């Protein structure tokens, strides 16, 4: 995860994180775990988060600003 202001507001305990769709929360958690354990499929976890952010935005489950914050914090 990037070290920036957005990541401070997107901790797993934050209200913003808890308001995200469950599938996006799960993908973000998996990516965070992947950054720690560095599996060979880390690129797949990264792509999964990218797709989930895009899907949540296009399904109007998150705003443009939230999508951008997530991209900045996780990608």
Protein backbone atom coordinates (compact mmCIF):
# COMPACT_ATOMS: atom_id res chain seq x y z
CA UNK A 1 0.00 0.00 0.00
CA UNK A 2 1.21 3.48 -0.79
CA UNK A 3 2.19 5.77 2.04
CA UNK A 4 -0.15 8.72 1.62
CA UNK A 5 -3.10 10.50 3.16
CA UNK A 6 -5.66 8.33 1.34
CA UNK A 7 -4.29 5.14 2.88
CA UNK A 8 -4.74 6.60 6.37
CA UNK A 9 -8.49 6.87 5.76
CA UNK A 10 -8.78 3.40 4.25
CA UNK A 11 -7.67 1.17 7.09
CA UNK A 12 -9.78 -1.96 7.57
CA UNK A 13 -11.34 -0.40 10.67
CA UNK A 14 -12.33 2.86 8.98
CA UNK A 15 -15.91 3.80 8.17
CA UNK A 16 -14.94 4.36 4.54
CA UNK A 17 -13.52 0.82 4.25
CA UNK A 18 -16.54 -0.74 5.96
CA UNK A 19 -18.90 1.07 3.59
CA UNK A 20 -17.27 -0.52 0.52
CA UNK A 21 -18.96 -3.49 -1.17
CA UNK A 22 -17.99 -6.77 0.51
CA UNK A 23 -16.27 -8.14 -2.61
CA UNK A 24 -14.06 -5.05 -2.78
CA UNK A 25 -13.21 -5.28 0.92
CA UNK A 26 -12.21 -8.92 0.44
CA UNK A 27 -10.03 -8.12 -2.57
CA UNK A 28 -8.30 -5.25 -0.73
CA UNK A 29 -7.60 -7.50 2.26
CA UNK A 30 -6.20 -10.19 -0.03
CA UNK A 31 -3.93 -7.65 -1.74
CA UNK A 32 -2.69 -6.35 1.61
CA UNK A 33 -1.92 -9.92 2.69
CA UNK A 34 -0.20 -10.47 -0.66
CA UNK A 35 2.01 -7.41 -0.17
CA UNK A 36 3.16 -8.97 3.12
CA UNK A 37 3.60 -12.58 1.97
CA UNK A 38 4.71 -11.82 -1.63
CA UNK A 39 3.13 -14.83 -3.40
CA UNK A 40 3.90 -15.60 -7.03
CA UNK A 41 0.35 -14.51 -7.95
CA UNK A 42 0.61 -10.99 -6.48
CA UNK A 43 -0.05 -9.54 -9.94
CA UNK A 44 -3.37 -11.40 -10.01
CA UNK A 45 -4.39 -9.91 -6.66
CA UNK A 46 -3.45 -6.46 -7.94
CA UNK A 47 -5.51 -6.95 -11.12
CA UNK A 48 -8.44 -8.26 -9.08
CA UNK A 49 -8.46 -5.07 -6.99
CA UNK A 50 -8.23 -2.94 -10.13
CA UNK A 51 -11.23 -4.73 -11.62
CA UNK A 52 -13.23 -4.59 -8.39
CA UNK A 53 -12.68 -0.84 -8.02
CA UNK A 54 -13.80 -0.33 -11.62
CA UNK A 55 -16.83 -2.60 -11.19
CA UNK A 56 -17.90 -0.89 -7.97
CA UNK A 57 -17.61 2.51 -9.62
CA UNK A 58 -19.49 1.55 -12.78
CA UNK A 59 -22.20 -0.17 -10.70
CA UNK A 60 -22.53 3.09 -8.74
CA UNK A 61 -21.55 1.38 -5.49
CA UNK A 62 -18.73 3.88 -4.91
CA UNK A 63 -18.16 7.44 -6.07
CA UNK A 64 -15.50 8.64 -8.48
CA UNK A 65 -13.62 10.22 -5.57
CA UNK A 66 -13.69 6.99 -3.56
CA UNK A 67 -12.49 5.05 -6.61
CA UNK A 68 -9.59 7.47 -7.07
CA UNK A 69 -8.71 7.30 -3.36
CA UNK A 70 -8.64 3.51 -3.54
CA UNK A 71 -6.47 3.54 -6.63
CA UNK A 72 -4.07 5.98 -4.98
CA UNK A 73 -3.90 3.98 -1.76
CA UNK A 74 -3.71 0.43 -3.14
CA UNK A 75 -2.46 0.51 -6.72
